[in-house]
Amino acid sequence: MTSGDDMGERDDIPELAAAIDELRSLLRAFDDVRPSDRDECFYLHAYNELDLAGRTVIDAFDRERDTDEGLWRK
């Protein structure tokens, strides 16, 4: 996440990297679930977790892109 210090205008890049790492970790956790434990509740929870992680990655990417576009316009 952004720290708000004097790191410059591109300090939201770590936020994108953190969001991607979180998504990777989530996918690895799904791989660890035994097939016999993949019931309806698992799939509902997994969908919600993937939805949230995907939206977090997209939002972080959009913020990075918007920052890059702002730098190019200056």
PDB file of N, CA and C in Angstrom:
ATOM      1  N   MET A   1       0.838  -1.171   0.000  1.00  0.00           N
ATOM      2  CA  MET A   1       0.000   0.000   0.000  1.00  0.00           C
ATOM      3  C   MET A   1       0.888   1.240   0.000  1.00  0.00           C
ATOM      4  N   THR A   2       0.297   2.347  -0.367  1.00  0.00           N
ATOM      5  CA  THR A   2       1.074   3.566  -0.395  1.00  0.00           C
ATOM      6  C   THR A   2       1.356   4.020   1.019  1.00  0.00           C
ATOM      7  N   SER A   3       2.539   4.614   1.171  1.00  0.00           N
ATOM      8  CA  SER A   3       2.941   5.014   2.500  1.00  0.00           C
ATOM      9  C   SER A   3       2.704   6.492   2.766  1.00  0.00           C
ATOM     10  N   GLY A   4       2.557   7.308   1.699  1.00  0.00           N
ATOM     11  CA  GLY A   4       2.325   8.721   1.900  1.00  0.00           C
ATOM     12  C   GLY A   4       3.586   9.487   2.235  1.00  0.00           C
ATOM     13  N   ASP A   5       4.753   8.871   2.146  1.00  0.00           N
ATOM     14  CA  ASP A   5       5.993   9.578   2.427  1.00  0.00           C
ATOM     15  C   ASP A   5       6.534  10.208   1.156  1.00  0.00           C
ATOM     16  N   ASP A   6       7.775  10.609   1.160  1.00  0.00           N
ATOM     17  CA  ASP A   6       8.379  11.297   0.030  1.00  0.00           C
ATOM     18  C   ASP A   6       8.972  10.338  -0.997  1.00  0.00           C
ATOM     19  N   MET A   7       8.348   9.230  -1.234  1.00  0.00           N
ATOM     20  CA  MET A   7       8.867   8.244  -2.180  1.00  0.00           C
ATOM     21  C   MET A   7       8.608   8.654  -3.624  1.00  0.00           C
ATOM     22  N   GLY A   8       7.874   9.712  -3.872  1.00  0.00           N
ATOM     23  CA  GLY A   8       7.603  10.145  -5.231  1.00  0.00           C
ATOM     24  C   GLY A   8       6.227   9.713  -5.675  1.00  0.00           C
ATOM     25  N   GLU A   9       5.941   9.970  -6.950  1.00  0.00           N
ATOM     26  CA  GLU A   9       4.610   9.726  -7.463  1.00  0.00           C
ATOM     27  C   GLU A   9       4.354   8.266  -7.799  1.00  0.00           C
ATOM     28  N   ARG A  10       5.368   7.423  -7.832  1.00  0.00           N
ATOM     29  CA  ARG A  10       5.181   6.036  -8.232  1.00  0.00           C
ATOM     30  C   ARG A  10       5.180   5.095  -7.030  1.00  0.00           C
ATOM     31  N   ASP A  11       4.859   5.615  -5.843  1.00  0.00           N
ATOM     32  CA  ASP A  11       4.882   4.761  -4.654  1.00  0.00           C
ATOM     33  C   ASP A  11       3.689   3.823  -4.571  1.00  0.00           C
ATOM     34  N   ASP A  12       2.781   3.823  -5.564  1.00  0.00           N
ATOM     35  CA  ASP A  12       1.682   2.865  -5.555  1.00  0.00           C
ATOM     36  C   ASP A  12       2.046   1.589  -6.310  1.00  0.00           C
ATOM     37  N   ILE A  13       3.216   1.505  -6.913  1.00  0.00           N
ATOM     38  CA  ILE A  13       3.638   0.272  -7.579  1.00  0.00           C
ATOM     39  C   ILE A  13       3.752  -0.882  -6.584  1.00  0.00           C
ATOM     40  N   PRO A  14       4.305  -0.664  -5.405  1.00  0.00           N
ATOM     41  CA  PRO A  14       4.302  -1.781  -4.450  1.00  0.00           C
ATOM     42  C   PRO A  14       2.896  -2.278  -4.126  1.00  0.00           C
ATOM     43  N   GLU A  15       1.904  -1.418  -4.209  1.00  0.00           N
ATOM     44  CA  GLU A  15       0.526  -1.846  -3.971  1.00  0.00           C
ATOM     45  C   GLU A  15       0.104  -2.863  -5.028  1.00  0.00           C
ATOM     46  N   LEU A  16       0.467  -2.627  -6.275  1.00  0.00           N
ATOM     47  CA  LEU A  16       0.156  -3.573  -7.341  1.00  0.00           C
ATOM     48  C   LEU A  16       0.890  -4.883  -7.110  1.00  0.00           C
ATOM     49  N   ALA A  17       2.151  -4.813  -6.782  1.00  0.00           N
ATOM     50  CA  ALA A  17       2.930  -6.033  -6.524  1.00  0.00           C
ATOM     51  C   ALA A  17       2.348  -6.812  -5.348  1.00  0.00           C
ATOM     52  N   ALA A  18       1.930  -6.102  -4.309  1.00  0.00           N
ATOM     53  CA  ALA A  18       1.336  -6.772  -3.148  1.00  0.00           C
ATOM     54  C   ALA A  18       0.011  -7.435  -3.520  1.00  0.00           C
ATOM     55  N   ALA A  19      -0.787  -6.765  -4.348  1.00  0.00           N
ATOM     56  CA  ALA A  19      -2.070  -7.339  -4.769  1.00  0.00           C
ATOM     57  C   ALA A  19      -1.855  -8.600  -5.601  1.00  0.00           C
ATOM     58  N   ILE A  20      -0.851  -8.577  -6.471  1.00  0.00           N
ATOM     59  CA  ILE A  20      -0.541  -9.755  -7.283  1.00  0.00           C
ATOM     60  C   ILE A  20      -0.028 -10.887  -6.403  1.00  0.00           C
ATOM     61  N   ASP A  21       0.827 -10.562  -5.446  1.00  0.00           N
ATOM     62  CA  ASP A  21       1.319 -11.597  -4.521  1.00  0.00           C
ATOM     63  C   ASP A  21       0.171 -12.221  -3.734  1.00  0.00           C
ATOM     64  N   GLU A  22      -0.782 -11.400  -3.316  1.00  0.00           N
ATOM     65  CA  GLU A  22      -1.938 -11.905  -2.566  1.00  0.00           C
ATOM     66  C   GLU A  22      -2.771 -12.841  -3.442  1.00  0.00           C
ATOM     67  N   LEU A  23      -2.952 -12.479  -4.697  1.00  0.00           N
ATOM     68  CA  LEU A  23      -3.695 -13.336  -5.625  1.00  0.00           C
ATOM     69  C   LEU A  23      -2.971 -14.664  -5.833  1.00  0.00           C
ATOM     70  N   ARG A  24      -1.660 -14.611  -6.000  1.00  0.00           N
ATOM     71  CA  ARG A  24      -0.882 -15.853  -6.143  1.00  0.00           C
ATOM     72  C   ARG A  24      -1.026 -16.739  -4.909  1.00  0.00           C
ATOM     73  N   SER A  25      -0.954 -16.128  -3.752  1.00  0.00           N
ATOM     74  CA  SER A  25      -1.084 -16.873  -2.498  1.00  0.00           C
ATOM     75  C   SER A  25      -2.463 -17.520  -2.392  1.00  0.00           C
ATOM     76  N   LEU A  26      -3.480 -16.792  -2.784  1.00  0.00           N
ATOM     77  CA  LEU A  26      -4.843 -17.318  -2.759  1.00  0.00           C
ATOM     78  C   LEU A  26      -4.974 -18.526  -3.688  1.00  0.00           C
ATOM     79  N   LEU A  27      -4.435 -18.419  -4.888  1.00  0.00           N
ATOM     80  CA  LEU A  27      -4.504 -19.535  -5.828  1.00  0.00           C
ATOM     81  C   LEU A  27      -3.748 -20.754  -5.312  1.00  0.00           C
ATOM     82  N   ARG A  28      -2.592 -20.526  -4.674  1.00  0.00           N
ATOM     83  CA  ARG A  28      -1.851 -21.649  -4.070  1.00  0.00           C
ATOM     84  C   ARG A  28      -2.666 -22.306  -2.960  1.00  0.00           C
ATOM     85  N   ALA A  29      -3.359 -21.488  -2.182  1.00  0.00           N
ATOM     86  CA  ALA A  29      -4.188 -22.034  -1.101  1.00  0.00           C
ATOM     87  C   ALA A  29      -5.310 -22.897  -1.664  1.00  0.00           C
ATOM     88  N   PHE A  30      -5.882 -22.486  -2.793  1.00  0.00           N
ATOM     89  CA  PHE A  30      -6.917 -23.313  -3.421  1.00  0.00           C
ATOM     90  C   PHE A  30      -6.342 -24.655  -3.861  1.00  0.00           C
ATOM     91  N   ASP A  31      -5.123 -24.649  -4.348  1.00  0.00           N
ATOM     92  CA  ASP A  31      -4.478 -25.896  -4.779  1.00  0.00           C
ATOM     93  C   ASP A  31      -4.304 -26.875  -3.628  1.00  0.00           C
ATOM     94  N   ASP A  32      -4.197 -26.350  -2.413  1.00  0.00           N
ATOM     95  CA  ASP A  32      -3.969 -27.192  -1.241  1.00  0.00           C
ATOM     96  C   ASP A  32      -5.240 -27.838  -0.696  1.00  0.00           C
ATOM     97  N   VAL A  33      -6.381 -27.441  -1.210  1.00  0.00           N
ATOM     98  CA  VAL A  33      -7.656 -27.990  -0.720  1.00  0.00           C
ATOM     99  C   VAL A  33      -7.901 -29.345  -1.380  1.00  0.00           C
ATOM    100  N   ARG A  34      -8.164 -30.331  -0.545  1.00  0.00           N
ATOM    101  CA  ARG A  34      -8.453 -31.676  -1.074  1.00  0.00           C
ATOM    102  C   ARG A  34      -9.731 -31.656  -1.890  1.00  0.00           C
ATOM    103  N   PRO A  35      -9.761 -32.401  -2.974  1.00  0.00           N
ATOM    104  CA  PRO A  35     -10.981 -32.446  -3.796  1.00  0.00           C
ATOM    105  C   PRO A  35     -12.226 -32.801  -2.987  1.00  0.00           C
ATOM    106  N   SER A  36     -12.078 -33.673  -2.008  1.00  0.00           N
ATOM    107  CA  SER A  36     -13.244 -34.069  -1.206  1.00  0.00           C
ATOM    108  C   SER A  36     -13.780 -32.914  -0.338  1.00  0.00           C
ATOM    109  N   ASP A  37     -12.948 -31.894  -0.119  1.00  0.00           N
ATOM    110  CA  ASP A  37     -13.367 -30.733   0.674  1.00  0.00           C
ATOM    111  C   ASP A  37     -13.931 -29.606  -0.184  1.00  0.00           C
ATOM    112  N   ARG A  38     -13.964 -29.799  -1.478  1.00  0.00           N
ATOM    113  CA  ARG A  38     -14.453 -28.760  -2.390  1.00  0.00           C
ATOM    114  C   ARG A  38     -15.969 -28.900  -2.583  1.00  0.00           C
ATOM    115  N   ASP A  39     -16.661 -28.470  -1.569  1.00  0.00           N
ATOM    116  CA  ASP A  39     -18.121 -28.532  -1.606  1.00  0.00           C
ATOM    117  C   ASP A  39     -18.694 -27.182  -2.046  1.00  0.00           C
ATOM    118  N   GLU A  40     -19.993 -27.069  -1.989  1.00  0.00           N
ATOM    119  CA  GLU A  40     -20.655 -25.832  -2.419  1.00  0.00           C
ATOM    120  C   GLU A  40     -20.153 -24.621  -1.635  1.00  0.00           C
ATOM    121  N   CYS A  41     -19.968 -24.789  -0.350  1.00  0.00           N
ATOM    122  CA  CYS A  41     -19.480 -23.688   0.495  1.00  0.00           C
ATOM    123  C   CYS A  41     -18.083 -23.242   0.049  1.00  0.00           C
ATOM    124  N   PHE A  42     -17.217 -24.205  -0.262  1.00  0.00           N
ATOM    125  CA  PHE A  42     -15.871 -23.888  -0.743  1.00  0.00           C
ATOM    126  C   PHE A  42     -15.952 -23.023  -1.997  1.00  0.00           C
ATOM    127  N   TYR A  43     -16.772 -23.448  -2.964  1.00  0.00           N
ATOM    128  CA  TYR A  43     -16.843 -22.721  -4.232  1.00  0.00           C
ATOM    129  C   TYR A  43     -17.438 -21.328  -4.065  1.00  0.00           C
ATOM    130  N   LEU A  44     -18.416 -21.169  -3.193  1.00  0.00           N
ATOM    131  CA  LEU A  44     -18.973 -19.848  -2.924  1.00  0.00           C
ATOM    132  C   LEU A  44     -17.920 -18.934  -2.307  1.00  0.00           C
ATOM    133  N   HIS A  45     -17.210 -19.468  -1.326  1.00  0.00           N
ATOM    134  CA  HIS A  45     -16.166 -18.690  -0.662  1.00  0.00           C
ATOM    135  C   HIS A  45     -15.026 -18.386  -1.642  1.00  0.00           C
ATOM    136  N   ALA A  46     -14.626 -19.376  -2.428  1.00  0.00           N
ATOM    137  CA  ALA A  46     -13.541 -19.179  -3.391  1.00  0.00           C
ATOM    138  C   ALA A  46     -13.914 -18.109  -4.409  1.00  0.00           C
ATOM    139  N   TYR A  47     -15.135 -18.136  -4.899  1.00  0.00           N
ATOM    140  CA  TYR A  47     -15.572 -17.117  -5.856  1.00  0.00           C
ATOM    141  C   TYR A  47     -15.459 -15.725  -5.246  1.00  0.00           C
ATOM    142  N   ASN A  48     -15.944 -15.566  -4.030  1.00  0.00           N
ATOM    143  CA  ASN A  48     -15.886 -14.262  -3.371  1.00  0.00           C
ATOM    144  C   ASN A  48     -14.444 -13.806  -3.167  1.00  0.00           C
ATOM    145  N   GLU A  49     -13.582 -14.714  -2.755  1.00  0.00           N
ATOM    146  CA  GLU A  49     -12.171 -14.370  -2.558  1.00  0.00           C
ATOM    147  C   GLU A  49     -11.501 -13.990  -3.875  1.00  0.00           C
ATOM    148  N   LEU A  50     -11.763 -14.756  -4.934  1.00  0.00           N
ATOM    149  CA  LEU A  50     -11.185 -14.439  -6.248  1.00  0.00           C
ATOM    150  C   LEU A  50     -11.718 -13.117  -6.790  1.00  0.00           C
ATOM    151  N   ASP A  51     -12.993 -12.873  -6.600  1.00  0.00           N
ATOM    152  CA  ASP A  51     -13.585 -11.617  -7.039  1.00  0.00           C
ATOM    153  C   ASP A  51     -12.904 -10.438  -6.359  1.00  0.00           C
ATOM    154  N   LEU A  52     -12.752 -10.512  -5.052  1.00  0.00           N
ATOM    155  CA  LEU A  52     -12.107  -9.441  -4.303  1.00  0.00           C
ATOM    156  C   LEU A  52     -10.647  -9.268  -4.725  1.00  0.00           C
ATOM    157  N   ALA A  53      -9.908 -10.367  -4.843  1.00  0.00           N
ATOM    158  CA  ALA A  53      -8.496 -10.292  -5.225  1.00  0.00           C
ATOM    159  C   ALA A  53      -8.347  -9.744  -6.645  1.00  0.00           C
ATOM    160  N   GLY A  54      -9.197 -10.181  -7.544  1.00  0.00           N
ATOM    161  CA  GLY A  54      -9.135  -9.684  -8.919  1.00  0.00           C
ATOM    162  C   GLY A  54      -9.430  -8.197  -8.994  1.00  0.00           C
ATOM    163  N   ARG A  55     -10.435  -7.763  -8.282  1.00  0.00           N
ATOM    164  CA  ARG A  55     -10.770  -6.334  -8.277  1.00  0.00           C
ATOM    165  C   ARG A  55      -9.647  -5.507  -7.646  1.00  0.00           C
ATOM    166  N   THR A  56      -8.988  -6.045  -6.632  1.00  0.00           N
ATOM    167  CA  THR A  56      -7.871  -5.341  -5.998  1.00  0.00           C
ATOM    168  C   THR A  56      -6.713  -5.177  -6.980  1.00  0.00           C
ATOM    169  N   VAL A  57      -6.406  -6.231  -7.747  1.00  0.00           N
ATOM    170  CA  VAL A  57      -5.347  -6.151  -8.755  1.00  0.00           C
ATOM    171  C   VAL A  57      -5.725  -5.122  -9.830  1.00  0.00           C
ATOM    172  N   ILE A  58      -6.948  -5.180 -10.306  1.00  0.00           N
ATOM    173  CA  ILE A  58      -7.386  -4.244 -11.345  1.00  0.00           C
ATOM    174  C   ILE A  58      -7.327  -2.801 -10.844  1.00  0.00           C
ATOM    175  N   ASP A  59      -7.795  -2.566  -9.622  1.00  0.00           N
ATOM    176  CA  ASP A  59      -7.760  -1.209  -9.068  1.00  0.00           C
ATOM    177  C   ASP A  59      -6.322  -0.708  -8.928  1.00  0.00           C
ATOM    178  N   ALA A  60      -5.430  -1.565  -8.448  1.00  0.00           N
ATOM    179  CA  ALA A  60      -4.026  -1.173  -8.299  1.00  0.00           C
ATOM    180  C   ALA A  60      -3.401  -0.902  -9.666  1.00  0.00           C
ATOM    181  N   PHE A  61      -3.716  -1.735 -10.643  1.00  0.00           N
ATOM    182  CA  PHE A  61      -3.205  -1.527 -11.998  1.00  0.00           C
ATOM    183  C   PHE A  61      -3.724  -0.205 -12.567  1.00  0.00           C
ATOM    184  N   ASP A  62      -4.999   0.074 -12.385  1.00  0.00           N
ATOM    185  CA  ASP A  62      -5.570   1.332 -12.875  1.00  0.00           C
ATOM    186  C   ASP A  62      -4.893   2.534 -12.232  1.00  0.00           C
ATOM    187  N   ARG A  63      -4.642   2.463 -10.930  1.00  0.00           N
ATOM    188  CA  ARG A  63      -3.968   3.579 -10.255  1.00  0.00           C
ATOM    189  C   ARG A  63      -2.556   3.761 -10.809  1.00  0.00           C
ATOM    190  N   GLU A  64      -1.850   2.650 -11.058  1.00  0.00           N
ATOM    191  CA  GLU A  64      -0.496   2.748 -11.625  1.00  0.00           C
ATOM    192  C   GLU A  64      -0.559   3.357 -13.023  1.00  0.00           C
ATOM    193  N   ARG A  65      -1.495   2.891 -13.841  1.00  0.00           N
ATOM    194  CA  ARG A  65      -1.631   3.401 -15.203  1.00  0.00           C
ATOM    195  C   ARG A  65      -1.979   4.882 -15.175  1.00  0.00           C
ATOM    196  N   ASP A  66      -2.897   5.274 -14.304  1.00  0.00           N
ATOM    197  CA  ASP A  66      -3.282   6.678 -14.212  1.00  0.00           C
ATOM    198  C   ASP A  66      -2.097   7.537 -13.801  1.00  0.00           C
ATOM    199  N   THR A  67      -1.269   7.037 -12.903  1.00  0.00           N
ATOM    200  CA  THR A  67      -0.074   7.766 -12.486  1.00  0.00           C
ATOM    201  C   THR A  67       0.894   7.892 -13.647  1.00  0.00           C
ATOM    202  N   ASP A  68       1.087   6.806 -14.392  1.00  0.00           N
ATOM    203  CA  ASP A  68       1.981   6.847 -15.551  1.00  0.00           C
ATOM    204  C   ASP A  68       1.479   7.839 -16.588  1.00  0.00           C
ATOM    205  N   GLU A  69       0.174   7.860 -16.853  1.00  0.00           N
ATOM    206  CA  GLU A  69      -0.389   8.791 -17.828  1.00  0.00           C
ATOM    207  C   GLU A  69      -0.208  10.218 -17.342  1.00  0.00           C
ATOM    208  N   GLY A  70      -0.364  10.441 -16.049  1.00  0.00           N
ATOM    209  CA  GLY A  70      -0.162  11.766 -15.500  1.00  0.00           C
ATOM    210  C   GLY A  70       1.270  12.248 -15.654  1.00  0.00           C
ATOM    211  N   LEU A  71       2.217  11.328 -15.489  1.00  0.00           N
ATOM    212  CA  LEU A  71       3.625  11.683 -15.660  1.00  0.00           C
ATOM    213  C   LEU A  71       3.926  12.015 -17.117  1.00  0.00           C
ATOM    214  N   TRP A  72       3.307  11.286 -18.048  1.00  0.00           N
ATOM    215  CA  TRP A  72       3.563  11.535 -19.469  1.00  0.00           C
ATOM    216  C   TRP A  72       2.993  12.881 -19.912  1.00  0.00           C
ATOM    217  N   ARG A  73       1.920  13.320 -19.296  1.00  0.00           N
ATOM    218  CA  ARG A  73       1.291  14.587 -19.694  1.00  0.00           C
ATOM    219  C   ARG A  73       2.077  15.791 -19.216  1.00  0.00           C
ATOM    220  N   LYS A  74       2.879  15.633 -18.184  1.00  0.00           N
ATOM    221  CA  LYS A  74       3.612  16.776 -17.603  1.00  0.00           C
ATOM    222  C   LYS A  74       4.769  17.182 -18.465  1.00  0.00           C
TER     223      LYS A  74
END
